[in-house]
Amino acid sequence: MMERVLEPEIMDDPVQVQAYAEADFQEENQGFVDTFLRLYEDRDGPHVVDVGCGPGDIAIRLARNHPTCLITGIDASIPMITWAEQAVKQAGLAHRIEFLSQRFQDVKLATPADAVMSNSLAHHVPNPLRFWYEIKKMIKPGGLVVVMDLLRPDSPEEAQALVDQYAAHEPERLKKDFFHSLLAAFTEDEVAAHLAELNLSRLMVDVPDDRHWIVYGRVY
């Protein structure tokens, strides 16, 4: 099994951010939102926190698909937040989506969230236990957690094969970032161990395809 290779925690290079923001993640992001909505049945104005919101696409998709939710997006990258705020303004959703330009470790919510979601942040975090600890702190008892991220392959060669298969037509910068993100990702067993250590074993761990894991369930 290949050891994890860390990558920078914050994506703040404007060129990197632009490549990420302009990439076509429509299928992946909409699938993530669809999964969240299948699991979350509260239609009465819930407050959802999007940890590592990036350029805001998932928050916008959720707001469009859920008629009453209020969303707080959190990202430590100022360029990402700039993209997100512009996108939300263009979508006409600024009254329902707000952003905090902070590291998730530093966020202090006025009241616990009804739900917390995160897509593709975990592999950026040096200490995964801190990641799950902070999510646990953000959410109210009985709140829903949905977290998805990349699945670390067994070797750099397998990582390159995934890049070739799924990002062949993307810009070189994006392909390079995808490769390094795969090397920085966690395995299914590692994620399960992290959850167990923080008494979050009620959450389900699933591997929906050849390059992602997803964690979902209620936190009590």
N, C-alpha and C. Protein backbone atom coordinates (compact mmCIF):
# COMPACT_ATOMS: atom_id res chain seq x y z
N MET A 1 0.84 -1.21 0.00
CA MET A 1 0.00 0.00 0.00
C MET A 1 0.87 1.25 0.00
N MET A 2 0.59 2.15 -0.89
CA MET A 2 1.34 3.40 -0.99
C MET A 2 1.07 4.28 0.22
N GLU A 3 2.11 4.87 0.77
CA GLU A 3 1.96 5.80 1.88
C GLU A 3 1.35 7.12 1.39
N ARG A 4 0.66 7.80 2.27
CA ARG A 4 0.07 9.10 1.94
C ARG A 4 1.16 10.15 1.74
N VAL A 5 1.01 10.98 0.69
CA VAL A 5 1.95 12.06 0.39
C VAL A 5 1.18 13.37 0.51
N LEU A 6 1.50 14.16 1.52
CA LEU A 6 0.76 15.40 1.77
C LEU A 6 0.90 16.40 0.62
N GLU A 7 -0.15 17.19 0.42
CA GLU A 7 -0.09 18.33 -0.48
C GLU A 7 -0.52 19.57 0.32
N PRO A 8 -0.34 20.77 -0.22
CA PRO A 8 -0.68 21.98 0.53
C PRO A 8 -2.12 21.96 1.02
N GLU A 9 -2.34 22.48 2.24
CA GLU A 9 -3.67 22.46 2.83
C GLU A 9 -4.60 23.46 2.16
N ILE A 10 -4.07 24.59 1.70
CA ILE A 10 -4.90 25.67 1.16
C ILE A 10 -4.57 25.89 -0.31
N MET A 11 -5.59 25.90 -1.16
CA MET A 11 -5.42 26.22 -2.59
C MET A 11 -5.55 27.72 -2.77
N ASP A 12 -4.43 28.44 -2.76
CA ASP A 12 -4.51 29.89 -2.87
C ASP A 12 -3.72 30.46 -4.05
N ASP A 13 -3.19 29.59 -4.91
CA ASP A 13 -2.55 30.05 -6.14
C ASP A 13 -3.65 30.43 -7.13
N PRO A 14 -3.73 31.70 -7.57
CA PRO A 14 -4.82 32.13 -8.44
C PRO A 14 -4.94 31.29 -9.72
N VAL A 15 -3.82 30.86 -10.28
CA VAL A 15 -3.88 30.03 -11.49
C VAL A 15 -4.50 28.68 -11.18
N GLN A 16 -4.09 28.09 -10.07
CA GLN A 16 -4.65 26.81 -9.65
C GLN A 16 -6.14 26.94 -9.35
N VAL A 17 -6.50 28.01 -8.67
CA VAL A 17 -7.90 28.22 -8.31
C VAL A 17 -8.76 28.41 -9.56
N GLN A 18 -8.27 29.17 -10.53
CA GLN A 18 -9.02 29.37 -11.75
C GLN A 18 -9.22 28.06 -12.51
N ALA A 19 -8.17 27.24 -12.58
CA ALA A 19 -8.28 25.95 -13.27
C ALA A 19 -9.33 25.07 -12.59
N TYR A 20 -9.33 25.08 -11.26
CA TYR A 20 -10.29 24.27 -10.51
C TYR A 20 -11.70 24.81 -10.68
N ALA A 21 -11.85 26.13 -10.59
CA ALA A 21 -13.17 26.74 -10.68
C ALA A 21 -13.80 26.56 -12.06
N GLU A 22 -12.97 26.53 -13.09
CA GLU A 22 -13.49 26.43 -14.46
C GLU A 22 -13.60 24.98 -14.95
N ALA A 23 -13.13 24.04 -14.14
CA ALA A 23 -13.21 22.62 -14.53
C ALA A 23 -14.66 22.15 -14.49
N ASP A 24 -14.94 21.10 -15.25
CA ASP A 24 -16.30 20.56 -15.33
C ASP A 24 -16.47 19.46 -14.30
N PHE A 25 -16.98 19.84 -13.12
CA PHE A 25 -17.30 18.87 -12.07
C PHE A 25 -18.81 18.70 -11.94
N GLN A 26 -19.55 19.00 -12.99
CA GLN A 26 -21.00 18.99 -12.92
C GLN A 26 -21.55 17.64 -12.45
N GLU A 27 -21.09 16.57 -13.06
CA GLU A 27 -21.63 15.25 -12.72
C GLU A 27 -21.31 14.89 -11.26
N GLU A 28 -20.07 15.11 -10.87
CA GLU A 28 -19.64 14.77 -9.50
C GLU A 28 -20.37 15.64 -8.48
N ASN A 29 -20.42 16.95 -8.73
CA ASN A 29 -21.03 17.86 -7.76
C ASN A 29 -22.53 17.65 -7.64
N GLN A 30 -23.21 17.47 -8.77
CA GLN A 30 -24.64 17.23 -8.70
C GLN A 30 -24.93 15.90 -8.03
N GLY A 31 -24.10 14.91 -8.29
CA GLY A 31 -24.27 13.62 -7.62
C GLY A 31 -24.13 13.74 -6.11
N PHE A 32 -23.18 14.56 -5.68
CA PHE A 32 -22.99 14.79 -4.25
C PHE A 32 -24.23 15.46 -3.65
N VAL A 33 -24.75 16.48 -4.32
CA VAL A 33 -25.95 17.17 -3.84
C VAL A 33 -27.15 16.22 -3.83
N ASP A 34 -27.29 15.41 -4.85
CA ASP A 34 -28.40 14.44 -4.91
C ASP A 34 -28.32 13.47 -3.73
N THR A 35 -27.11 13.02 -3.40
CA THR A 35 -26.93 12.13 -2.26
C THR A 35 -27.34 12.83 -0.96
N PHE A 36 -26.90 14.07 -0.80
CA PHE A 36 -27.27 14.84 0.39
C PHE A 36 -28.79 14.94 0.52
N LEU A 37 -29.47 15.25 -0.56
CA LEU A 37 -30.92 15.44 -0.51
C LEU A 37 -31.66 14.13 -0.27
N ARG A 38 -31.12 13.02 -0.74
CA ARG A 38 -31.74 11.72 -0.44
C ARG A 38 -31.70 11.42 1.05
N LEU A 39 -30.64 11.89 1.70
CA LEU A 39 -30.46 11.60 3.12
C LEU A 39 -31.10 12.62 4.03
N TYR A 40 -31.36 13.82 3.52
CA TYR A 40 -31.84 14.91 4.35
C TYR A 40 -33.26 15.29 3.97
N GLU A 41 -34.20 15.07 4.87
CA GLU A 41 -35.61 15.27 4.57
C GLU A 41 -36.19 16.53 5.21
N ASP A 42 -35.39 17.26 5.97
CA ASP A 42 -35.88 18.46 6.64
C ASP A 42 -36.03 19.57 5.60
N ARG A 43 -37.24 20.00 5.34
CA ARG A 43 -37.48 21.03 4.34
C ARG A 43 -37.74 22.40 4.97
N ASP A 44 -37.58 22.51 6.29
CA ASP A 44 -37.98 23.73 6.98
C ASP A 44 -36.78 24.60 7.32
N GLY A 45 -36.17 25.18 6.30
CA GLY A 45 -35.13 26.17 6.49
C GLY A 45 -33.91 25.73 7.28
N PRO A 46 -33.34 24.58 6.98
CA PRO A 46 -32.16 24.15 7.73
C PRO A 46 -30.93 24.99 7.40
N HIS A 47 -30.02 25.04 8.37
CA HIS A 47 -28.73 25.70 8.15
C HIS A 47 -27.70 24.62 7.84
N VAL A 48 -27.13 24.68 6.65
CA VAL A 48 -26.16 23.70 6.18
C VAL A 48 -24.80 24.38 6.07
N VAL A 49 -23.77 23.76 6.62
CA VAL A 49 -22.41 24.28 6.51
C VAL A 49 -21.65 23.44 5.49
N ASP A 50 -21.04 24.12 4.53
CA ASP A 50 -20.24 23.48 3.48
C ASP A 50 -18.78 23.74 3.81
N VAL A 51 -18.09 22.72 4.31
CA VAL A 51 -16.71 22.86 4.76
C VAL A 51 -15.77 22.61 3.59
N GLY A 52 -14.96 23.61 3.25
CA GLY A 52 -14.12 23.53 2.06
C GLY A 52 -14.95 23.74 0.82
N CYS A 53 -15.69 24.85 0.80
CA CYS A 53 -16.70 25.08 -0.24
C CYS A 53 -16.12 25.38 -1.61
N GLY A 54 -14.83 25.72 -1.67
CA GLY A 54 -14.22 26.00 -2.96
C GLY A 54 -14.94 27.14 -3.69
N PRO A 55 -15.13 27.03 -5.00
CA PRO A 55 -15.73 28.13 -5.78
C PRO A 55 -17.25 28.20 -5.68
N GLY A 56 -17.86 27.43 -4.78
CA GLY A 56 -19.27 27.61 -4.48
C GLY A 56 -20.26 26.81 -5.30
N ASP A 57 -19.81 25.96 -6.20
CA ASP A 57 -20.73 25.26 -7.09
C ASP A 57 -21.68 24.35 -6.34
N ILE A 58 -21.19 23.62 -5.36
CA ILE A 58 -22.04 22.69 -4.61
C ILE A 58 -23.07 23.46 -3.79
N ALA A 59 -22.66 24.55 -3.15
CA ALA A 59 -23.60 25.36 -2.38
C ALA A 59 -24.72 25.89 -3.27
N ILE A 60 -24.37 26.36 -4.45
CA ILE A 60 -25.37 26.87 -5.38
C ILE A 60 -26.32 25.76 -5.82
N ARG A 61 -25.78 24.60 -6.13
CA ARG A 61 -26.62 23.48 -6.56
C ARG A 61 -27.58 23.07 -5.44
N LEU A 62 -27.09 23.04 -4.21
CA LEU A 62 -27.95 22.67 -3.10
C LEU A 62 -29.05 23.70 -2.90
N ALA A 63 -28.71 24.98 -2.94
CA ALA A 63 -29.71 26.03 -2.77
C ALA A 63 -30.78 25.96 -3.86
N ARG A 64 -30.39 25.64 -5.07
CA ARG A 64 -31.36 25.55 -6.16
C ARG A 64 -32.27 24.33 -6.00
N ASN A 65 -31.76 23.28 -5.39
CA ASN A 65 -32.52 22.03 -5.26
C ASN A 65 -33.28 21.93 -3.94
N HIS A 66 -32.92 22.75 -2.97
CA HIS A 66 -33.61 22.77 -1.69
C HIS A 66 -34.19 24.17 -1.50
N PRO A 67 -35.50 24.30 -1.41
CA PRO A 67 -36.12 25.62 -1.51
C PRO A 67 -35.93 26.54 -0.31
N THR A 68 -35.53 25.99 0.85
CA THR A 68 -35.50 26.84 2.04
C THR A 68 -34.17 26.83 2.80
N CYS A 69 -33.21 26.02 2.40
CA CYS A 69 -31.99 25.91 3.21
C CYS A 69 -31.17 27.19 3.14
N LEU A 70 -30.47 27.45 4.23
CA LEU A 70 -29.50 28.53 4.32
C LEU A 70 -28.12 27.89 4.43
N ILE A 71 -27.16 28.40 3.69
CA ILE A 71 -25.86 27.73 3.57
C ILE A 71 -24.75 28.69 3.98
N THR A 72 -23.83 28.17 4.79
CA THR A 72 -22.60 28.88 5.09
C THR A 72 -21.44 28.10 4.49
N GLY A 73 -20.75 28.69 3.53
CA GLY A 73 -19.59 28.06 2.92
C GLY A 73 -18.31 28.53 3.62
N ILE A 74 -17.44 27.59 3.90
CA ILE A 74 -16.19 27.90 4.60
C ILE A 74 -15.01 27.46 3.74
N ASP A 75 -14.07 28.37 3.52
CA ASP A 75 -12.86 28.02 2.79
C ASP A 75 -11.75 28.99 3.20
N ALA A 76 -10.55 28.45 3.39
CA ALA A 76 -9.42 29.27 3.82
C ALA A 76 -8.77 30.03 2.67
N SER A 77 -9.13 29.68 1.43
CA SER A 77 -8.54 30.31 0.26
C SER A 77 -9.31 31.55 -0.13
N ILE A 78 -8.67 32.70 -0.03
CA ILE A 78 -9.33 33.95 -0.42
C ILE A 78 -9.71 33.95 -1.90
N PRO A 79 -8.83 33.49 -2.83
CA PRO A 79 -9.26 33.43 -4.23
C PRO A 79 -10.48 32.53 -4.45
N MET A 80 -10.57 31.41 -3.72
CA MET A 80 -11.74 30.54 -3.83
C MET A 80 -13.00 31.27 -3.39
N ILE A 81 -12.92 31.95 -2.25
CA ILE A 81 -14.08 32.67 -1.73
C ILE A 81 -14.50 33.77 -2.71
N THR A 82 -13.53 34.43 -3.34
CA THR A 82 -13.84 35.47 -4.33
C THR A 82 -14.64 34.88 -5.49
N TRP A 83 -14.20 33.73 -6.01
CA TRP A 83 -14.94 33.04 -7.07
C TRP A 83 -16.34 32.68 -6.59
N ALA A 84 -16.43 32.15 -5.38
CA ALA A 84 -17.71 31.69 -4.85
C ALA A 84 -18.69 32.85 -4.70
N GLU A 85 -18.23 33.95 -4.16
CA GLU A 85 -19.12 35.10 -3.96
C GLU A 85 -19.63 35.64 -5.29
N GLN A 86 -18.76 35.69 -6.30
CA GLN A 86 -19.19 36.14 -7.62
C GLN A 86 -20.22 35.19 -8.22
N ALA A 87 -19.98 33.89 -8.07
CA ALA A 87 -20.90 32.90 -8.63
C ALA A 87 -22.26 32.96 -7.95
N VAL A 88 -22.27 33.13 -6.64
CA VAL A 88 -23.53 33.20 -5.90
C VAL A 88 -24.30 34.46 -6.26
N LYS A 89 -23.59 35.56 -6.42
CA LYS A 89 -24.24 36.81 -6.82
C LYS A 89 -24.89 36.66 -8.19
N GLN A 90 -24.16 36.04 -9.13
CA GLN A 90 -24.70 35.84 -10.48
C GLN A 90 -25.91 34.90 -10.45
N ALA A 91 -25.91 33.96 -9.51
CA ALA A 91 -27.03 33.01 -9.41
C ALA A 91 -28.22 33.61 -8.68
N GLY A 92 -28.06 34.80 -8.11
CA GLY A 92 -29.15 35.44 -7.38
C GLY A 92 -29.47 34.77 -6.06
N LEU A 93 -28.45 34.20 -5.42
CA LEU A 93 -28.68 33.43 -4.19
C LEU A 93 -27.92 34.00 -2.98
N ALA A 94 -27.48 35.24 -3.10
CA ALA A 94 -26.69 35.82 -2.01
C ALA A 94 -27.49 35.96 -0.71
N HIS A 95 -28.83 35.96 -0.79
CA HIS A 95 -29.66 36.06 0.41
C HIS A 95 -29.74 34.74 1.16
N ARG A 96 -29.27 33.66 0.55
CA ARG A 96 -29.35 32.35 1.20
C ARG A 96 -27.99 31.68 1.40
N ILE A 97 -26.96 32.21 0.76
CA ILE A 97 -25.63 31.63 0.88
C ILE A 97 -24.65 32.70 1.31
N GLU A 98 -23.91 32.44 2.38
CA GLU A 98 -22.85 33.34 2.82
C GLU A 98 -21.56 32.55 2.92
N PHE A 99 -20.43 33.26 2.93
CA PHE A 99 -19.13 32.60 2.96
C PHE A 99 -18.26 33.17 4.07
N LEU A 100 -17.45 32.28 4.64
CA LEU A 100 -16.44 32.66 5.62
C LEU A 100 -15.08 32.28 5.07
N SER A 101 -14.20 33.25 4.97
CA SER A 101 -12.84 32.97 4.53
C SER A 101 -11.98 32.66 5.76
N GLN A 102 -12.08 31.41 6.20
CA GLN A 102 -11.38 30.96 7.40
C GLN A 102 -10.95 29.51 7.24
N ARG A 103 -9.91 29.14 7.97
CA ARG A 103 -9.59 27.72 8.11
C ARG A 103 -10.71 27.07 8.92
N PHE A 104 -11.11 25.88 8.54
CA PHE A 104 -12.22 25.24 9.24
C PHE A 104 -11.91 25.04 10.72
N GLN A 105 -10.61 24.92 11.05
CA GLN A 105 -10.21 24.74 12.44
C GLN A 105 -10.51 25.97 13.30
N ASP A 106 -10.67 27.13 12.65
CA ASP A 106 -10.85 28.39 13.38
C ASP A 106 -12.30 28.86 13.41
N VAL A 107 -13.19 28.14 12.76
CA VAL A 107 -14.58 28.59 12.66
C VAL A 107 -15.31 28.37 13.98
N LYS A 108 -16.05 29.39 14.40
CA LYS A 108 -16.91 29.29 15.58
C LYS A 108 -18.30 29.74 15.16
N LEU A 109 -19.21 28.79 15.05
CA LEU A 109 -20.58 29.09 14.64
C LEU A 109 -21.38 29.61 15.83
N ALA A 110 -22.29 30.55 15.55
CA ALA A 110 -23.14 31.08 16.61
C ALA A 110 -24.04 30.00 17.20
N THR A 111 -24.55 29.14 16.33
CA THR A 111 -25.35 27.99 16.76
C THR A 111 -24.94 26.78 15.92
N PRO A 112 -25.04 25.57 16.48
CA PRO A 112 -24.66 24.38 15.71
C PRO A 112 -25.50 24.24 14.44
N ALA A 113 -24.89 23.71 13.42
CA ALA A 113 -25.56 23.54 12.13
C ALA A 113 -26.50 22.34 12.16
N ASP A 114 -27.52 22.40 11.30
CA ASP A 114 -28.43 21.27 11.13
C ASP A 114 -27.77 20.15 10.32
N ALA A 115 -26.85 20.54 9.45
CA ALA A 115 -26.15 19.55 8.61
C ALA A 115 -24.80 20.12 8.21
N VAL A 116 -23.85 19.24 8.02
CA VAL A 116 -22.52 19.62 7.55
C VAL A 116 -22.17 18.75 6.36
N MET A 117 -21.71 19.39 5.29
CA MET A 117 -21.26 18.65 4.12
C MET A 117 -19.85 19.11 3.75
N SER A 118 -19.13 18.23 3.09
CA SER A 118 -17.77 18.57 2.64
C SER A 118 -17.41 17.66 1.48
N ASN A 119 -16.91 18.28 0.43
CA ASN A 119 -16.48 17.51 -0.73
C ASN A 119 -15.06 17.91 -1.11
N SER A 120 -14.15 16.97 -1.02
CA SER A 120 -12.77 17.14 -1.51
C SER A 120 -11.92 18.08 -0.67
N LEU A 121 -12.21 18.15 0.63
CA LEU A 121 -11.32 18.89 1.53
C LEU A 121 -10.41 17.96 2.32
N ALA A 122 -10.91 16.80 2.71
CA ALA A 122 -10.20 15.95 3.66
C ALA A 122 -8.77 15.63 3.22
N HIS A 123 -8.56 15.43 1.92
CA HIS A 123 -7.21 15.05 1.48
C HIS A 123 -6.22 16.20 1.60
N HIS A 124 -6.71 17.42 1.81
CA HIS A 124 -5.82 18.57 2.01
C HIS A 124 -5.36 18.71 3.47
N VAL A 125 -6.01 17.99 4.37
CA VAL A 125 -5.81 18.22 5.80
C VAL A 125 -4.70 17.32 6.35
N PRO A 126 -3.67 17.91 6.97
CA PRO A 126 -2.58 17.09 7.51
C PRO A 126 -3.05 16.12 8.60
N ASN A 127 -3.94 16.60 9.47
CA ASN A 127 -4.40 15.79 10.61
C ASN A 127 -5.87 15.43 10.42
N PRO A 128 -6.18 14.23 9.95
CA PRO A 128 -7.57 13.87 9.68
C PRO A 128 -8.43 13.83 10.94
N LEU A 129 -7.84 13.54 12.09
CA LEU A 129 -8.63 13.51 13.32
C LEU A 129 -9.16 14.90 13.66
N ARG A 130 -8.35 15.91 13.38
CA ARG A 130 -8.80 17.29 13.60
C ARG A 130 -9.96 17.62 12.67
N PHE A 131 -9.90 17.13 11.45
CA PHE A 131 -10.97 17.36 10.48
C PHE A 131 -12.30 16.84 11.02
N TRP A 132 -12.32 15.58 11.48
CA TRP A 132 -13.56 14.99 11.97
C TRP A 132 -13.99 15.61 13.30
N TYR A 133 -13.02 15.96 14.13
CA TYR A 133 -13.33 16.61 15.41
C TYR A 133 -14.06 17.93 15.18
N GLU A 134 -13.57 18.73 14.24
CA GLU A 134 -14.19 20.03 13.99
C GLU A 134 -15.58 19.87 13.39
N ILE A 135 -15.76 18.92 12.51
CA ILE A 135 -17.10 18.66 11.95
C ILE A 135 -18.06 18.26 13.07
N LYS A 136 -17.58 17.41 13.97
CA LYS A 136 -18.41 16.99 15.10
C LYS A 136 -18.81 18.18 15.97
N LYS A 137 -17.91 19.14 16.13
CA LYS A 137 -18.19 20.34 16.93
C LYS A 137 -19.21 21.25 16.25
N MET A 138 -19.22 21.28 14.92
CA MET A 138 -20.07 22.22 14.19
C MET A 138 -21.54 21.83 14.18
N ILE A 139 -21.84 20.58 14.42
CA ILE A 139 -23.17 20.07 14.13
C ILE A 139 -23.98 19.81 15.39
N LYS A 140 -25.27 20.01 15.30
CA LYS A 140 -26.14 19.76 16.45
C LYS A 140 -26.38 18.25 16.59
N PRO A 141 -26.75 17.78 17.79
CA PRO A 141 -27.08 16.36 17.96
C PRO A 141 -28.18 15.93 17.01
N GLY A 142 -27.94 14.85 16.30
CA GLY A 142 -28.90 14.37 15.32
C GLY A 142 -28.75 14.97 13.95
N GLY A 143 -27.76 15.87 13.80
CA GLY A 143 -27.54 16.51 12.51
C GLY A 143 -26.90 15.56 11.51
N LEU A 144 -27.11 15.88 10.23
CA LEU A 144 -26.60 15.02 9.15
C LEU A 144 -25.20 15.44 8.72
N VAL A 145 -24.35 14.45 8.52
CA VAL A 145 -23.02 14.65 7.94
C VAL A 145 -22.93 13.91 6.62
N VAL A 146 -22.46 14.60 5.58
CA VAL A 146 -22.16 13.96 4.29
C VAL A 146 -20.80 14.48 3.84
N VAL A 147 -19.82 13.60 3.79
CA VAL A 147 -18.45 13.96 3.41
C VAL A 147 -17.98 13.02 2.30
N MET A 148 -17.47 13.60 1.22
CA MET A 148 -16.93 12.79 0.14
C MET A 148 -15.53 13.26 -0.19
N ASP A 149 -14.67 12.32 -0.57
CA ASP A 149 -13.32 12.70 -0.98
C ASP A 149 -12.73 11.60 -1.83
N LEU A 150 -11.52 11.86 -2.28
CA LEU A 150 -10.82 10.90 -3.13
C LEU A 150 -10.34 9.70 -2.33
N LEU A 151 -10.17 8.60 -3.02
CA LEU A 151 -9.70 7.34 -2.45
C LEU A 151 -8.27 7.10 -2.92
N ARG A 152 -7.34 6.92 -1.99
CA ARG A 152 -5.94 6.74 -2.38
C ARG A 152 -5.73 5.38 -3.04
N PRO A 153 -5.16 5.37 -4.23
CA PRO A 153 -4.87 4.09 -4.91
C PRO A 153 -3.66 3.40 -4.29
N ASP A 154 -3.35 2.23 -4.80
CA ASP A 154 -2.27 1.44 -4.22
C ASP A 154 -0.88 1.89 -4.64
N SER A 155 -0.79 2.65 -5.73
CA SER A 155 0.52 3.01 -6.25
C SER A 155 0.42 4.29 -7.07
N PRO A 156 1.55 4.98 -7.29
CA PRO A 156 1.54 6.14 -8.19
C PRO A 156 1.09 5.77 -9.60
N GLU A 157 1.41 4.56 -10.03
CA GLU A 157 1.01 4.13 -11.37
C GLU A 157 -0.52 4.04 -11.48
N GLU A 158 -1.15 3.53 -10.42
CA GLU A 158 -2.62 3.48 -10.43
C GLU A 158 -3.21 4.88 -10.38
N ALA A 159 -2.57 5.77 -9.64
CA ALA A 159 -3.03 7.17 -9.60
C ALA A 159 -2.95 7.79 -10.98
N GLN A 160 -1.86 7.56 -11.69
CA GLN A 160 -1.71 8.11 -13.03
C GLN A 160 -2.74 7.54 -13.98
N ALA A 161 -3.07 6.26 -13.81
CA ALA A 161 -4.09 5.64 -14.66
C ALA A 161 -5.45 6.30 -14.45
N LEU A 162 -5.77 6.66 -13.21
CA LEU A 162 -7.03 7.34 -12.93
C LEU A 162 -7.04 8.73 -13.55
N VAL A 163 -5.91 9.42 -13.48
CA VAL A 163 -5.80 10.73 -14.12
C VAL A 163 -6.02 10.60 -15.62
N ASP A 164 -5.38 9.62 -16.22
CA ASP A 164 -5.51 9.41 -17.67
C ASP A 164 -6.95 9.07 -18.06
N GLN A 165 -7.64 8.35 -17.18
CA GLN A 165 -9.00 7.92 -17.49
C GLN A 165 -10.02 9.03 -17.32
N TYR A 166 -9.87 9.82 -16.27
CA TYR A 166 -10.92 10.77 -15.92
C TYR A 166 -10.58 12.24 -16.18
N ALA A 167 -9.33 12.53 -16.48
CA ALA A 167 -8.95 13.93 -16.68
C ALA A 167 -8.11 14.13 -17.93
N ALA A 168 -8.25 13.24 -18.88
CA ALA A 168 -7.40 13.27 -20.08
C ALA A 168 -7.52 14.58 -20.85
N HIS A 169 -8.69 15.20 -20.82
CA HIS A 169 -8.90 16.41 -21.62
C HIS A 169 -8.85 17.69 -20.79
N GLU A 170 -8.46 17.55 -19.53
CA GLU A 170 -8.38 18.73 -18.67
C GLU A 170 -7.02 19.42 -18.85
N PRO A 171 -6.91 20.69 -18.43
CA PRO A 171 -5.61 21.39 -18.50
C PRO A 171 -4.54 20.65 -17.69
N GLU A 172 -3.29 20.83 -18.10
CA GLU A 172 -2.19 20.12 -17.44
C GLU A 172 -2.14 20.41 -15.95
N ARG A 173 -2.43 21.66 -15.56
CA ARG A 173 -2.39 22.01 -14.14
C ARG A 173 -3.41 21.19 -13.36
N LEU A 174 -4.58 21.02 -13.92
CA LEU A 174 -5.62 20.25 -13.24
C LEU A 174 -5.25 18.77 -13.15
N LYS A 175 -4.66 18.24 -14.20
CA LYS A 175 -4.23 16.84 -14.18
C LYS A 175 -3.15 16.63 -13.12
N LYS A 176 -2.23 17.57 -13.02
CA LYS A 176 -1.17 17.48 -12.01
C LYS A 176 -1.76 17.53 -10.61
N ASP A 177 -2.71 18.44 -10.39
CA ASP A 177 -3.34 18.56 -9.08
C ASP A 177 -4.13 17.30 -8.73
N PHE A 178 -4.82 16.74 -9.69
CA PHE A 178 -5.59 15.51 -9.48
C PHE A 178 -4.66 14.37 -9.04
N PHE A 179 -3.53 14.25 -9.71
CA PHE A 179 -2.56 13.20 -9.37
C PHE A 179 -2.08 13.37 -7.93
N HIS A 180 -1.68 14.58 -7.56
CA HIS A 180 -1.18 14.81 -6.21
C HIS A 180 -2.28 14.66 -5.16
N SER A 181 -3.50 15.00 -5.53
CA SER A 181 -4.62 14.82 -4.60
C SER A 181 -4.88 13.35 -4.33
N LEU A 182 -4.77 12.52 -5.35
CA LEU A 182 -4.92 11.08 -5.15
C LEU A 182 -3.85 10.54 -4.20
N LEU A 183 -2.63 11.04 -4.32
CA LEU A 183 -1.56 10.59 -3.44
C LEU A 183 -1.79 11.05 -2.00
N ALA A 184 -2.49 12.17 -1.82
CA ALA A 184 -2.73 12.73 -0.49
C ALA A 184 -4.01 12.21 0.15
N ALA A 185 -4.77 11.42 -0.58
CA ALA A 185 -6.07 10.96 -0.11
C ALA A 185 -5.93 9.83 0.91
N PHE A 186 -7.07 9.44 1.48
CA PHE A 186 -7.12 8.36 2.47
C PHE A 186 -7.74 7.12 1.88
N THR A 187 -7.44 5.98 2.47
CA THR A 187 -8.09 4.73 2.09
C THR A 187 -9.38 4.57 2.89
N GLU A 188 -10.22 3.65 2.47
CA GLU A 188 -11.46 3.37 3.19
C GLU A 188 -11.18 2.93 4.63
N ASP A 189 -10.18 2.07 4.81
CA ASP A 189 -9.85 1.59 6.15
C ASP A 189 -9.34 2.72 7.04
N GLU A 190 -8.57 3.63 6.48
CA GLU A 190 -8.08 4.76 7.27
C GLU A 190 -9.23 5.64 7.73
N VAL A 191 -10.17 5.91 6.83
CA VAL A 191 -11.32 6.74 7.19
C VAL A 191 -12.13 6.07 8.30
N ALA A 192 -12.36 4.78 8.17
CA ALA A 192 -13.11 4.06 9.21
C ALA A 192 -12.39 4.12 10.56
N ALA A 193 -11.07 4.04 10.54
CA ALA A 193 -10.29 4.13 11.78
C ALA A 193 -10.39 5.51 12.40
N HIS A 194 -10.36 6.55 11.57
CA HIS A 194 -10.49 7.92 12.08
C HIS A 194 -11.85 8.11 12.75
N LEU A 195 -12.90 7.62 12.12
CA LEU A 195 -14.24 7.75 12.69
C LEU A 195 -14.34 7.00 14.01
N ALA A 196 -13.78 5.80 14.06
CA ALA A 196 -13.83 5.01 15.29
C ALA A 196 -13.12 5.71 16.43
N GLU A 197 -12.00 6.35 16.14
CA GLU A 197 -11.22 7.01 17.18
C GLU A 197 -11.97 8.19 17.79
N LEU A 198 -12.86 8.81 17.00
CA LEU A 198 -13.62 9.96 17.49
C LEU A 198 -15.06 9.59 17.84
N ASN A 199 -15.29 8.30 18.03
CA ASN A 199 -16.61 7.81 18.41
C ASN A 199 -17.68 8.22 17.41
N LEU A 200 -17.34 8.12 16.14
CA LEU A 200 -18.27 8.43 15.05
C LEU A 200 -18.58 7.19 14.21
N SER A 201 -18.48 6.04 14.83
CA SER A 201 -18.64 4.78 14.08
C SER A 201 -20.06 4.54 13.60
N ARG A 202 -21.02 5.33 14.08
CA ARG A 202 -22.38 5.20 13.55
C ARG A 202 -22.47 5.70 12.12
N LEU A 203 -21.54 6.53 11.73
CA LEU A 203 -21.53 7.02 10.36
C LEU A 203 -21.13 5.89 9.41
N MET A 204 -21.76 5.86 8.26
CA MET A 204 -21.48 4.84 7.26
C MET A 204 -20.32 5.27 6.37
N VAL A 205 -19.49 4.32 5.99
CA VAL A 205 -18.40 4.56 5.03
C VAL A 205 -18.68 3.71 3.80
N ASP A 206 -18.71 4.35 2.65
CA ASP A 206 -19.00 3.63 1.41
C ASP A 206 -18.00 4.05 0.34
N VAL A 207 -17.79 3.18 -0.63
CA VAL A 207 -16.93 3.47 -1.78
C VAL A 207 -17.81 3.37 -3.02
N PRO A 208 -18.32 4.52 -3.52
CA PRO A 208 -19.29 4.48 -4.61
C PRO A 208 -18.70 4.21 -5.99
N ASP A 209 -17.38 4.44 -6.15
CA ASP A 209 -16.75 4.20 -7.44
C ASP A 209 -15.25 3.95 -7.22
N ASP A 210 -14.47 4.00 -8.27
CA ASP A 210 -13.07 3.62 -8.18
C ASP A 210 -12.15 4.73 -7.68
N ARG A 211 -12.70 5.89 -7.32
CA ARG A 211 -11.83 6.98 -6.91
C ARG A 211 -12.36 7.83 -5.77
N HIS A 212 -13.48 7.42 -5.16
CA HIS A 212 -14.07 8.19 -4.07
C HIS A 212 -14.48 7.31 -2.91
N TRP A 213 -14.45 7.89 -1.71
CA TRP A 213 -15.18 7.34 -0.57
C TRP A 213 -16.19 8.39 -0.12
N ILE A 214 -17.21 7.93 0.57
CA ILE A 214 -18.21 8.84 1.11
C ILE A 214 -18.60 8.39 2.51
N VAL A 215 -18.74 9.34 3.41
CA VAL A 215 -19.19 9.10 4.78
C VAL A 215 -20.50 9.85 4.97
N TYR A 216 -21.48 9.18 5.56
CA TYR A 216 -22.78 9.83 5.75
C TYR A 216 -23.48 9.26 6.97
N GLY A 217 -24.39 10.05 7.52
CA GLY A 217 -25.18 9.61 8.66
C GLY A 217 -25.42 10.74 9.64
N ARG A 218 -26.06 10.39 10.74
CA ARG A 218 -26.40 11.35 11.79
C ARG A 218 -25.38 11.28 12.92
N VAL A 219 -25.10 12.44 13.50
CA VAL A 219 -24.16 12.52 14.62
C VAL A 219 -24.94 12.72 15.90
N TYR A 220 -24.72 11.82 16.87
CA TYR A 220 -25.42 11.91 18.16
C TYR A 220 -24.42 12.00 19.29
